Amino acid sequence: LEKVSRLASMLRKIGSRAHLQVDGGIDVLTA
């Protein structure tokens, strides 16, 4: 999830509107 945060910042920095998807172990708690 630290990588997710880092990539979210990188996408904002370049003005990208790309989706940021996560896959693996996602349930009501981790979502």
Full PDB file with SEQRES, HELIX, SHEET, SSBOND, CRYST1, ORIGX, SCALE, CONECT and MASTER records, all heavy atoms in Angstrom:
SEQRES   1 A   31  LEU GLU LYS VAL SER ARG LEU ALA SER MET LEU ARG LYS          
SEQRES   2 A   31  ILE GLY SER ARG ALA HIS LEU GLN VAL ASP GLY GLY ILE          
SEQRES   3 A   31  ASP VAL LEU THR ALA                                          
HELIX    1 AA1 GLU A    2  LYS A   13  1                                  12    
CRYST1    1.000    1.000    1.000  90.00  90.00  90.00 P 1           1          
ORIGX1      1.000000  0.000000  0.000000        0.00000                         
ORIGX2      0.000000  1.000000  0.000000        0.00000                         
ORIGX3      0.000000  0.000000  1.000000        0.00000                         
SCALE1      1.000000  0.000000  0.000000        0.00000                         
SCALE2      0.000000  1.000000  0.000000        0.00000                         
SCALE3      0.000000  0.000000  1.000000        0.00000                         
ATOM      1  N   LEU A   1       0.821  -1.210   0.000  1.00  0.00           N  
ATOM      2  CA  LEU A   1       0.000   0.000   0.000  1.00  0.00           C  
ATOM      3  C   LEU A   1       0.856   1.263   0.000  1.00  0.00           C  
ATOM      4  O   LEU A   1       0.415   2.316  -0.462  1.00  0.00           O  
ATOM      5  CB  LEU A   1      -0.949  -0.006   1.191  1.00  0.00           C  
ATOM      6  CG  LEU A   1      -1.994  -1.129   1.177  1.00  0.00           C  
ATOM      7  CD1 LEU A   1      -2.910  -1.012   2.388  1.00  0.00           C  
ATOM      8  CD2 LEU A   1      -2.809  -1.108  -0.109  1.00  0.00           C  
ATOM      9  N   GLU A   2       2.081   1.151   0.474  1.00  0.00           N  
ATOM     10  CA  GLU A   2       2.999   2.283   0.390  1.00  0.00           C  
ATOM     11  C   GLU A   2       3.324   2.576  -1.076  1.00  0.00           C  
ATOM     12  O   GLU A   2       3.457   3.738  -1.484  1.00  0.00           O  
ATOM     13  CB  GLU A   2       4.278   1.979   1.169  1.00  0.00           C  
ATOM     14  CG  GLU A   2       4.058   1.757   2.659  1.00  0.00           C  
ATOM     15  CD  GLU A   2       5.329   1.343   3.376  1.00  0.00           C  
ATOM     16  OE1 GLU A   2       6.423   1.467   2.773  1.00  0.00           O  
ATOM     17  OE2 GLU A   2       5.236   0.896   4.528  1.00  0.00           O  
ATOM     18  N   LYS A   3       3.438   1.526  -1.865  1.00  0.00           N  
ATOM     19  CA  LYS A   3       3.682   1.687  -3.300  1.00  0.00           C  
ATOM     20  C   LYS A   3       2.478   2.342  -3.975  1.00  0.00           C  
ATOM     21  O   LYS A   3       2.631   3.186  -4.858  1.00  0.00           O  
ATOM     22  CB  LYS A   3       3.977   0.340  -3.941  1.00  0.00           C  
ATOM     23  CG  LYS A   3       4.410   0.428  -5.396  1.00  0.00           C  
ATOM     24  CD  LYS A   3       4.480  -0.941  -6.046  1.00  0.00           C  
ATOM     25  CE  LYS A   3       5.426  -1.847  -5.309  1.00  0.00           C  
ATOM     26  NZ  LYS A   3       5.521  -3.169  -5.974  1.00  0.00           N  
ATOM     27  N   VAL A   4       1.285   1.956  -3.546  1.00  0.00           N  
ATOM     28  CA  VAL A   4       0.074   2.568  -4.086  1.00  0.00           C  
ATOM     29  C   VAL A   4       0.095   4.071  -3.844  1.00  0.00           C  
ATOM     30  O   VAL A   4      -0.171   4.872  -4.746  1.00  0.00           O  
ATOM     31  CB  VAL A   4      -1.187   1.935  -3.471  1.00  0.00           C  
ATOM     32  CG1 VAL A   4      -2.444   2.666  -3.930  1.00  0.00           C  
ATOM     33  CG2 VAL A   4      -1.281   0.456  -3.841  1.00  0.00           C  
ATOM     34  N   SER A   5       0.429   4.466  -2.627  1.00  0.00           N  
ATOM     35  CA  SER A   5       0.496   5.892  -2.290  1.00  0.00           C  
ATOM     36  C   SER A   5       1.528   6.610  -3.138  1.00  0.00           C  
ATOM     37  O   SER A   5       1.295   7.733  -3.626  1.00  0.00           O  
ATOM     38  CB  SER A   5       0.826   6.067  -0.805  1.00  0.00           C  
ATOM     39  OG  SER A   5      -0.194   5.554   0.007  1.00  0.00           O  
ATOM     40  N   ARG A   6       2.666   5.972  -3.318  1.00  0.00           N  
ATOM     41  CA  ARG A   6       3.732   6.571  -4.118  1.00  0.00           C  
ATOM     42  C   ARG A   6       3.287   6.751  -5.564  1.00  0.00           C  
ATOM     43  O   ARG A   6       3.494   7.804  -6.173  1.00  0.00           O  
ATOM     44  CB  ARG A   6       4.980   5.689  -4.037  1.00  0.00           C  
ATOM     45  CG  ARG A   6       6.116   6.095  -4.961  1.00  0.00           C  
ATOM     46  CD  ARG A   6       6.657   7.460  -4.636  1.00  0.00           C  
ATOM     47  NE  ARG A   6       7.787   7.793  -5.486  1.00  0.00           N  
ATOM     48  CZ  ARG A   6       8.130   9.024  -5.833  1.00  0.00           C  
ATOM     49  NH1 ARG A   6       7.404  10.064  -5.393  1.00  0.00           N  
ATOM     50  NH2 ARG A   6       9.178   9.246  -6.584  1.00  0.00           N  
ATOM     51  N   LEU A   7       2.641   5.738  -6.118  1.00  0.00           N  
ATOM     52  CA  LEU A   7       2.187   5.829  -7.507  1.00  0.00           C  
ATOM     53  C   LEU A   7       1.059   6.846  -7.668  1.00  0.00           C  
ATOM     54  O   LEU A   7       0.991   7.538  -8.693  1.00  0.00           O  
ATOM     55  CB  LEU A   7       1.738   4.453  -7.994  1.00  0.00           C  
ATOM     56  CG  LEU A   7       2.896   3.505  -8.336  1.00  0.00           C  
ATOM     57  CD1 LEU A   7       2.416   2.072  -8.429  1.00  0.00           C  
ATOM     58  CD2 LEU A   7       3.564   3.933  -9.642  1.00  0.00           C  
ATOM     59  N   ALA A   8       0.207   6.957  -6.675  1.00  0.00           N  
ATOM     60  CA  ALA A   8      -0.847   7.979  -6.732  1.00  0.00           C  
ATOM     61  C   ALA A   8      -0.227   9.359  -6.842  1.00  0.00           C  
ATOM     62  O   ALA A   8      -0.676  10.211  -7.622  1.00  0.00           O  
ATOM     63  CB  ALA A   8      -1.741   7.876  -5.507  1.00  0.00           C  
ATOM     64  N   SER A   9       0.837   9.580  -6.075  1.00  0.00           N  
ATOM     65  CA  SER A   9       1.538  10.860  -6.108  1.00  0.00           C  
ATOM     66  C   SER A   9       2.210  11.075  -7.468  1.00  0.00           C  
ATOM     67  O   SER A   9       2.168  12.182  -8.028  1.00  0.00           O  
ATOM     68  CB  SER A   9       2.583  10.898  -4.992  1.00  0.00           C  
ATOM     69  OG  SER A   9       3.346  12.077  -5.051  1.00  0.00           O  
ATOM     70  N   MET A  10       2.814  10.031  -8.005  1.00  0.00           N  
ATOM     71  CA  MET A  10       3.484  10.133  -9.297  1.00  0.00           C  
ATOM     72  C   MET A  10       2.486  10.445 -10.414  1.00  0.00           C  
ATOM     73  O   MET A  10       2.769  11.244 -11.314  1.00  0.00           O  
ATOM     74  CB  MET A  10       4.236   8.833  -9.589  1.00  0.00           C  
ATOM     75  CG  MET A  10       5.433   8.592  -8.681  1.00  0.00           C  
ATOM     76  SD  MET A  10       6.091   6.893  -8.780  1.00  0.00           S  
ATOM     77  CE  MET A  10       6.711   6.854 -10.468  1.00  0.00           C  
ATOM     78  N   LEU A  11       1.312   9.827 -10.369  1.00  0.00           N  
ATOM     79  CA  LEU A  11       0.295  10.088 -11.378  1.00  0.00           C  
ATOM     80  C   LEU A  11      -0.207  11.532 -11.298  1.00  0.00           C  
ATOM     81  O   LEU A  11      -0.398  12.196 -12.320  1.00  0.00           O  
ATOM     82  CB  LEU A  11      -0.866   9.104 -11.227  1.00  0.00           C  
ATOM     83  CG  LEU A  11      -0.571   7.659 -11.633  1.00  0.00           C  
ATOM     84  CD1 LEU A  11      -1.696   6.733 -11.181  1.00  0.00           C  
ATOM     85  CD2 LEU A  11      -0.371   7.540 -13.144  1.00  0.00           C  
ATOM     86  N   ARG A  12      -0.413  12.008 -10.088  1.00  0.00           N  
ATOM     87  CA  ARG A  12      -0.855  13.406  -9.921  1.00  0.00           C  
ATOM     88  C   ARG A  12       0.194  14.364 -10.457  1.00  0.00           C  
ATOM     89  O   ARG A  12      -0.134  15.375 -11.092  1.00  0.00           O  
ATOM     90  CB  ARG A  12      -1.130  13.699  -8.445  1.00  0.00           C  
ATOM     91  CG  ARG A  12      -2.396  13.063  -7.895  1.00  0.00           C  
ATOM     92  CD  ARG A  12      -2.781  13.677  -6.562  1.00  0.00           C  
ATOM     93  NE  ARG A  12      -1.753  13.488  -5.548  1.00  0.00           N  
ATOM     94  CZ  ARG A  12      -1.684  12.449  -4.730  1.00  0.00           C  
ATOM     95  NH1 ARG A  12      -2.597  11.485  -4.800  1.00  0.00           N  
ATOM     96  NH2 ARG A  12      -0.720  12.353  -3.837  1.00  0.00           N  
ATOM     97  N   LYS A  13       1.447  14.050 -10.215  1.00  0.00           N  
ATOM     98  CA  LYS A  13       2.537  14.932 -10.609  1.00  0.00           C  
ATOM     99  C   LYS A  13       2.592  15.127 -12.116  1.00  0.00           C  
ATOM    100  O   LYS A  13       2.939  16.227 -12.598  1.00  0.00           O  
ATOM    101  CB  LYS A  13       3.867  14.382 -10.095  1.00  0.00           C  
ATOM    102  CG  LYS A  13       5.044  15.328 -10.296  1.00  0.00           C  
ATOM    103  CD  LYS A  13       6.297  14.795  -9.612  1.00  0.00           C  
ATOM    104  CE  LYS A  13       7.465  15.753  -9.788  1.00  0.00           C  
ATOM    105  NZ  LYS A  13       8.696  15.239  -9.103  1.00  0.00           N  
ATOM    106  N   ILE A  14       2.264  14.095 -12.875  1.00  0.00           N  
ATOM    107  CA  ILE A  14       2.319  14.224 -14.331  1.00  0.00           C  
ATOM    108  C   ILE A  14       0.949  14.580 -14.930  1.00  0.00           C  
ATOM    109  O   ILE A  14       0.791  14.642 -16.145  1.00  0.00           O  
ATOM    110  CB  ILE A  14       2.864  12.945 -15.002  1.00  0.00           C  
ATOM    111  CG1 ILE A  14       1.917  11.763 -14.788  1.00  0.00           C  
ATOM    112  CG2 ILE A  14       4.273  12.636 -14.515  1.00  0.00           C  
ATOM    113  CD1 ILE A  14       2.283  10.539 -15.617  1.00  0.00           C  
ATOM    114  N   GLY A  15      -0.023  14.780 -14.062  1.00  0.00           N  
ATOM    115  CA  GLY A  15      -1.355  15.153 -14.529  1.00  0.00           C  
ATOM    116  C   GLY A  15      -2.119  14.018 -15.184  1.00  0.00           C  
ATOM    117  O   GLY A  15      -3.018  14.246 -15.995  1.00  0.00           O  
ATOM    118  N   SER A  16      -1.777  12.783 -14.830  1.00  0.00           N  
ATOM    119  CA  SER A  16      -2.437  11.628 -15.421  1.00  0.00           C  
ATOM    120  C   SER A  16      -3.762  11.336 -14.720  1.00  0.00           C  
ATOM    121  O   SER A  16      -3.875  11.450 -13.498  1.00  0.00           O  
ATOM    122  CB  SER A  16      -1.540  10.386 -15.304  1.00  0.00           C  
ATOM    123  OG  SER A  16      -2.237   9.227 -15.704  1.00  0.00           O  
ATOM    124  N   ARG A  17      -4.742  10.929 -15.508  1.00  0.00           N  
ATOM    125  CA  ARG A  17      -6.036  10.529 -14.968  1.00  0.00           C  
ATOM    126  C   ARG A  17      -6.190   9.006 -14.991  1.00  0.00           C  
ATOM    127  O   ARG A  17      -7.303   8.483 -14.903  1.00  0.00           O  
ATOM    128  CB  ARG A  17      -7.158  11.187 -15.765  1.00  0.00           C  
ATOM    129  CG  ARG A  17      -7.093  12.709 -15.729  1.00  0.00           C  
ATOM    130  CD  ARG A  17      -8.235  13.345 -16.497  1.00  0.00           C  
ATOM    131  NE  ARG A  17      -9.529  13.072 -15.886  1.00  0.00           N  
ATOM    132  CZ  ARG A  17     -10.687  13.489 -16.383  1.00  0.00           C  
ATOM    133  NH1 ARG A  17     -10.713  14.182 -17.507  1.00  0.00           N  
ATOM    134  NH2 ARG A  17     -11.817  13.193 -15.775  1.00  0.00           N  
ATOM    135  N   ALA A  18      -5.075   8.318 -15.098  1.00  0.00           N  
ATOM    136  CA  ALA A  18      -5.106   6.860 -15.128  1.00  0.00           C  
ATOM    137  C   ALA A  18      -5.674   6.305 -13.831  1.00  0.00           C  
ATOM    138  O   ALA A  18      -5.449   6.844 -12.743  1.00  0.00           O  
ATOM    139  CB  ALA A  18      -3.702   6.307 -15.362  1.00  0.00           C  
ATOM    140  N   HIS A  19      -6.411   5.205 -13.953  1.00  0.00           N  
ATOM    141  CA  HIS A  19      -6.899   4.508 -12.773  1.00  0.00           C  
ATOM    142  C   HIS A  19      -5.725   3.872 -12.035  1.00  0.00           C  
ATOM    143  O   HIS A  19      -4.718   3.487 -12.649  1.00  0.00           O  
ATOM    144  CB  HIS A  19      -7.892   3.415 -13.156  1.00  0.00           C  
ATOM    145  CG  HIS A  19      -9.220   3.927 -13.610  1.00  0.00           C  
ATOM    146  ND1 HIS A  19     -10.096   4.573 -12.772  1.00  0.00           N  
ATOM    147  CD2 HIS A  19      -9.823   3.876 -14.820  1.00  0.00           C  
ATOM    148  CE1 HIS A  19     -11.192   4.895 -13.440  1.00  0.00           C  
ATOM    149  NE2 HIS A  19     -11.046   4.503 -14.684  1.00  0.00           N  
ATOM    150  N   LEU A  20      -5.894   3.726 -10.723  1.00  0.00           N  
ATOM    151  CA  LEU A  20      -4.911   3.040  -9.896  1.00  0.00           C  
ATOM    152  C   LEU A  20      -5.625   1.853  -9.253  1.00  0.00           C  
ATOM    153  O   LEU A  20      -6.504   2.023  -8.408  1.00  0.00           O  
ATOM    154  CB  LEU A  20      -4.342   3.995  -8.847  1.00  0.00           C  
ATOM    155  CG  LEU A  20      -3.216   3.484  -7.948  1.00  0.00           C  
ATOM    156  CD1 LEU A  20      -2.099   2.842  -8.767  1.00  0.00           C  
ATOM    157  CD2 LEU A  20      -2.655   4.642  -7.115  1.00  0.00           C  
ATOM    158  N   GLN A  21      -5.272   0.675  -9.699  1.00  0.00           N  
ATOM    159  CA  GLN A  21      -5.959  -0.555  -9.308  1.00  0.00           C  
ATOM    160  C   GLN A  21      -5.095  -1.371  -8.354  1.00  0.00           C  
ATOM    161  O   GLN A  21      -3.867  -1.388  -8.476  1.00  0.00           O  
ATOM    162  CB  GLN A  21      -6.272  -1.383 -10.561  1.00  0.00           C  
ATOM    163  CG  GLN A  21      -7.075  -2.647 -10.330  1.00  0.00           C  
ATOM    164  CD  GLN A  21      -7.331  -3.389 -11.631  1.00  0.00           C  
ATOM    165  OE1 GLN A  21      -6.399  -3.961 -12.224  1.00  0.00           O  
ATOM    166  NE2 GLN A  21      -8.572  -3.382 -12.111  1.00  0.00           N  
ATOM    167  N   VAL A  22      -5.745  -2.059  -7.416  1.00  0.00           N  
ATOM    168  CA  VAL A  22      -5.037  -2.999  -6.536  1.00  0.00           C  
ATOM    169  C   VAL A  22      -5.697  -4.360  -6.646  1.00  0.00           C  
ATOM    170  O   VAL A  22      -6.910  -4.468  -6.813  1.00  0.00           O  
ATOM    171  CB  VAL A  22      -5.012  -2.538  -5.069  1.00  0.00           C  
ATOM    172  CG1 VAL A  22      -4.184  -1.278  -4.902  1.00  0.00           C  
ATOM    173  CG2 VAL A  22      -6.421  -2.328  -4.534  1.00  0.00           C  
ATOM    174  N   ASP A  23      -4.875  -5.396  -6.534  1.00  0.00           N  
ATOM    175  CA  ASP A  23      -5.368  -6.764  -6.671  1.00  0.00           C  
ATOM    176  C   ASP A  23      -4.614  -7.659  -5.703  1.00  0.00           C  
ATOM    177  O   ASP A  23      -3.391  -7.769  -5.777  1.00  0.00           O  
ATOM    178  CB  ASP A  23      -5.164  -7.244  -8.114  1.00  0.00           C  
ATOM    179  CG  ASP A  23      -5.716  -8.648  -8.351  1.00  0.00           C  
ATOM    180  OD1 ASP A  23      -6.289  -9.242  -7.421  1.00  0.00           O  
ATOM    181  OD2 ASP A  23      -5.579  -9.136  -9.482  1.00  0.00           O  
ATOM    182  N   GLY A  24      -5.379  -8.305  -4.810  1.00  0.00           N  
ATOM    183  CA  GLY A  24      -4.786  -9.267  -3.893  1.00  0.00           C  
ATOM    184  C   GLY A  24      -5.176  -9.002  -2.450  1.00  0.00           C  
ATOM    185  O   GLY A  24      -4.804  -7.978  -1.890  1.00  0.00           O  
ATOM    186  N   GLY A  25      -5.959  -9.896  -1.885  1.00  0.00           N  
ATOM    187  CA  GLY A  25      -6.327  -9.775  -0.479  1.00  0.00           C  
ATOM    188  C   GLY A  25      -7.302  -8.660  -0.180  1.00  0.00           C  
ATOM    189  O   GLY A  25      -7.344  -8.168   0.958  1.00  0.00           O  
ATOM    190  N   ILE A  26      -8.096  -8.267  -1.166  1.00  0.00           N  
ATOM    191  CA  ILE A  26      -9.038  -7.169  -0.947  1.00  0.00           C  
ATOM    192  C   ILE A  26     -10.359  -7.712  -0.418  1.00  0.00           C  
ATOM    193  O   ILE A  26     -10.997  -8.554  -1.042  1.00  0.00           O  
ATOM    194  CB  ILE A  26      -9.284  -6.368  -2.241  1.00  0.00           C  
ATOM    195  CG1 ILE A  26      -7.968  -5.760  -2.745  1.00  0.00           C  
ATOM    196  CG2 ILE A  26     -10.322  -5.278  -2.007  1.00  0.00           C  
ATOM    197  CD1 ILE A  26      -7.326  -4.764  -1.783  1.00  0.00           C  
ATOM    198  N   ASP A  27     -10.754  -7.220   0.750  1.00  0.00           N  
ATOM    199  CA  ASP A  27     -12.041  -7.547   1.348  1.00  0.00           C  
ATOM    200  C   ASP A  27     -12.611  -6.273   1.946  1.00  0.00           C  
ATOM    201  O   ASP A  27     -12.101  -5.177   1.691  1.00  0.00           O  
ATOM    202  CB  ASP A  27     -11.911  -8.662   2.393  1.00  0.00           C  
ATOM    203  CG  ASP A  27     -10.875  -8.344   3.476  1.00  0.00           C  
ATOM    204  OD1 ASP A  27     -10.601  -7.141   3.730  1.00  0.00           O  
ATOM    205  OD2 ASP A  27     -10.340  -9.286   4.075  1.00  0.00           O  
ATOM    206  N   VAL A  28     -13.657  -6.392   2.739  1.00  0.00           N  
ATOM    207  CA  VAL A  28     -14.288  -5.192   3.303  1.00  0.00           C  
ATOM    208  C   VAL A  28     -13.309  -4.417   4.173  1.00  0.00           C  
ATOM    209  O   VAL A  28     -13.341  -3.184   4.224  1.00  0.00           O  
ATOM    210  CB  VAL A  28     -15.557  -5.568   4.091  1.00  0.00           C  
ATOM    211  CG1 VAL A  28     -16.171  -4.334   4.738  1.00  0.00           C  
ATOM    212  CG2 VAL A  28     -16.576  -6.226   3.173  1.00  0.00           C  
ATOM    213  N   LEU A  29     -12.434  -5.121   4.860  1.00  0.00           N  
ATOM    214  CA  LEU A  29     -11.471  -4.450   5.741  1.00  0.00           C  
ATOM    215  C   LEU A  29     -10.367  -3.755   4.954  1.00  0.00           C  
ATOM    216  O   LEU A  29     -10.081  -2.581   5.155  1.00  0.00           O  
ATOM    217  CB  LEU A  29     -10.849  -5.466   6.701  1.00  0.00           C  
ATOM    218  CG  LEU A  29     -11.778  -6.113   7.728  1.00  0.00           C  
ATOM    219  CD1 LEU A  29     -11.051  -7.229   8.446  1.00  0.00           C  
ATOM    220  CD2 LEU A  29     -12.287  -5.081   8.721  1.00  0.00           C  
ATOM    221  N   THR A  30      -9.733  -4.502   4.044  1.00  0.00           N  
ATOM    222  CA  THR A  30      -8.573  -3.952   3.339  1.00  0.00           C  
ATOM    223  C   THR A  30      -8.958  -3.009   2.206  1.00  0.00           C  
ATOM    224  O   THR A  30      -8.128  -2.211   1.764  1.00  0.00           O  
ATOM    225  CB  THR A  30      -7.702  -5.089   2.781  1.00  0.00           C  
ATOM    226  OG1 THR A  30      -8.508  -5.921   1.932  1.00  0.00           O  
ATOM    227  CG2 THR A  30      -7.134  -5.940   3.912  1.00  0.00           C  
ATOM    228  N   ALA A  31     -10.186  -3.087   1.730  1.00  0.00           N  
ATOM    229  CA  ALA A  31     -10.621  -2.193   0.655  1.00  0.00           C  
ATOM    230  C   ALA A  31     -10.477  -0.738   1.059  1.00  0.00           C  
ATOM    231  O   ALA A  31     -10.039   0.109   0.269  1.00  0.00           O  
ATOM    232  CB  ALA A  31     -12.079  -2.490   0.279  1.00  0.00           C  
TER     233      ALA A  31                                                      
MASTER        0    0    0    1    0    0    0    6  232    1    0    3          
END                                                                             
